[in-house]
Amino acid sequence: MDKVFIRNLRARGIIGVNDWEREKPQEMLINITLYTDIQVAAQSDDIRDGVNYRTVAKKVLAHAEHAQRHTVEALAEDLARLCLEEPKVVRVQVRVEKPGAVRFSESVGVEIERPRA
């Protein structure tokens, strides 16, 4: 299976369970791998035959910045569902991180993988 990826997409939104985390947007780092077959798009050289990563990135960014989820787990599930709405995506891997959320760590987060149902 082929992969289309979006690396280190930076979003700012409300995420967290503590009151202080709900007061102002925090930085989130999002990584997505979309599993698809790129053979038709490779032959035709036409984006309409493949997965448009710009479209996916814009949808993911808009959702992450407005969802106001409490947990990175819930946000990751949201983003996986959004990605699987793309007709040519058969499986997705989503990683959501909160840089600097835990003292002495670069970041913390979750990574999930979901197939098309």
Protein backbone atom coordinates (compact mmCIF):
# COMPACT_ATOMS: atom_id res chain seq x y z
CA MET A 1 0.00 0.00 0.00
CA ASP A 2 1.25 3.46 -0.85
CA LYS A 3 1.43 6.34 1.60
CA VAL A 4 0.71 10.05 1.38
CA PHE A 5 1.98 11.91 4.42
CA ILE A 6 1.65 15.26 6.14
CA ARG A 7 4.47 15.92 8.59
CA ASN A 8 4.62 18.34 11.50
CA LEU A 9 1.45 20.29 10.76
CA ARG A 10 1.32 22.97 13.45
CA ALA A 11 -2.06 23.94 14.85
CA ARG A 12 -3.10 26.19 17.72
CA GLY A 13 -6.26 25.37 19.58
CA ILE A 14 -7.92 24.74 22.90
CA ILE A 15 -6.99 21.28 24.13
CA GLY A 16 -6.62 19.97 27.65
CA VAL A 17 -8.47 19.02 30.81
CA ASN A 18 -7.14 21.70 33.17
CA ASP A 19 -8.86 25.07 33.49
CA TRP A 20 -5.69 26.93 32.52
CA GLU A 21 -5.42 24.81 29.34
CA ARG A 22 -8.91 25.95 28.30
CA GLU A 23 -8.06 29.65 28.58
CA LYS A 24 -5.87 30.14 25.53
CA PRO A 25 -4.87 28.14 22.44
CA GLN A 26 -1.93 25.77 22.73
CA GLU A 27 0.38 24.50 20.04
CA MET A 28 -0.28 21.02 18.69
CA LEU A 29 1.83 19.03 16.28
CA ILE A 30 -0.04 16.74 13.89
CA ASN A 31 1.38 14.00 11.69
CA ILE A 32 -0.78 12.03 9.28
CA THR A 33 -0.11 9.08 7.01
CA LEU A 34 -2.83 8.31 4.47
CA TYR A 35 -2.74 4.81 3.00
CA THR A 36 -3.92 4.71 -0.60
CA ASP A 37 -3.07 3.39 -4.06
CA ILE A 38 -1.29 6.10 -6.05
CA GLN A 39 -0.89 4.14 -9.31
CA VAL A 40 -3.74 5.83 -11.19
CA ALA A 41 -2.62 9.32 -10.13
CA ALA A 42 0.97 8.46 -11.03
CA GLN A 43 -0.08 7.35 -14.53
CA SER A 44 -2.45 10.24 -15.21
CA ASP A 45 -0.40 12.92 -13.45
CA ASP A 46 -3.74 14.38 -12.32
CA ILE A 47 -4.41 15.28 -8.67
CA ARG A 48 -8.08 14.36 -9.11
CA ASP A 49 -6.96 10.73 -9.35
CA GLY A 50 -5.16 10.81 -6.02
CA VAL A 51 -5.43 12.14 -2.50
CA ASN A 52 -5.00 15.91 -2.35
CA TYR A 53 -2.84 16.40 0.75
CA ARG A 54 -3.43 20.15 0.72
CA THR A 55 -7.19 19.64 1.01
CA VAL A 56 -6.70 17.12 3.82
CA ALA A 57 -4.26 19.41 5.67
CA LYS A 58 -6.68 22.35 5.49
CA LYS A 59 -9.57 20.25 6.89
CA VAL A 60 -7.39 18.82 9.66
CA LEU A 61 -6.01 22.23 10.61
CA ALA A 62 -9.46 23.85 10.69
CA HIS A 63 -10.85 21.07 12.89
CA ALA A 64 -7.89 21.00 15.28
CA GLU A 65 -8.07 24.76 15.77
CA HIS A 66 -11.81 24.85 16.47
CA ALA A 67 -12.74 21.50 18.10
CA GLN A 68 -11.81 22.45 21.68
CA ARG A 69 -11.39 18.82 22.74
CA HIS A 70 -10.29 17.86 26.23
CA THR A 71 -7.99 15.02 25.20
CA VAL A 72 -5.53 14.39 22.39
CA GLU A 73 -7.14 10.96 22.12
CA ALA A 74 -10.50 12.49 21.14
CA LEU A 75 -8.86 14.90 18.71
CA ALA A 76 -6.89 12.08 17.07
CA GLU A 77 -10.12 10.11 16.55
CA ASP A 78 -11.78 13.18 15.03
CA LEU A 79 -8.90 13.69 12.62
CA ALA A 80 -8.80 10.02 11.64
CA ARG A 81 -12.52 10.16 10.77
CA LEU A 82 -11.98 13.29 8.70
CA CYS A 83 -9.16 11.64 6.76
CA LEU A 84 -11.20 8.51 6.11
CA GLU A 85 -13.88 10.68 4.48
CA GLU A 86 -11.48 11.00 1.55
CA PRO A 87 -12.70 8.40 -0.98
CA LYS A 88 -9.27 7.02 -1.90
CA VAL A 89 -7.95 6.67 1.67
CA VAL A 90 -8.26 3.09 2.95
CA ARG A 91 -6.37 3.49 6.22
CA VAL A 92 -4.93 6.37 8.22
CA GLN A 93 -2.35 6.87 10.92
CA VAL A 94 -2.72 10.03 13.03
CA ARG A 95 -0.29 11.36 15.62
CA VAL A 96 -1.24 14.34 17.81
CA GLU A 97 1.36 15.85 20.13
CA LYS A 98 1.37 18.67 22.66
CA PRO A 99 4.90 20.09 22.69
CA GLY A 100 6.10 21.09 26.15
CA ALA A 101 3.03 19.68 27.92
CA VAL A 102 5.11 17.67 30.38
CA ARG A 103 8.13 19.11 32.09
CA PHE A 104 11.45 17.75 30.79
CA SER A 105 9.84 16.29 27.67
CA GLU A 106 9.89 17.56 24.11
CA SER A 107 6.25 16.56 23.66
CA VAL A 108 3.57 14.08 24.64
CA GLY A 109 0.69 12.69 22.61
CA VAL A 110 -0.98 9.75 20.99
CA GLU A 111 -0.70 7.88 17.72
CA ILE A 112 -3.60 5.88 16.32
CA GLU A 113 -4.23 3.86 13.19
CA ARG A 114 -7.71 3.35 11.79
CA PRO A 115 -8.96 1.42 8.73
CA ARG A 116 -11.90 2.36 6.57
CA ALA A 117 -14.89 0.57 8.08
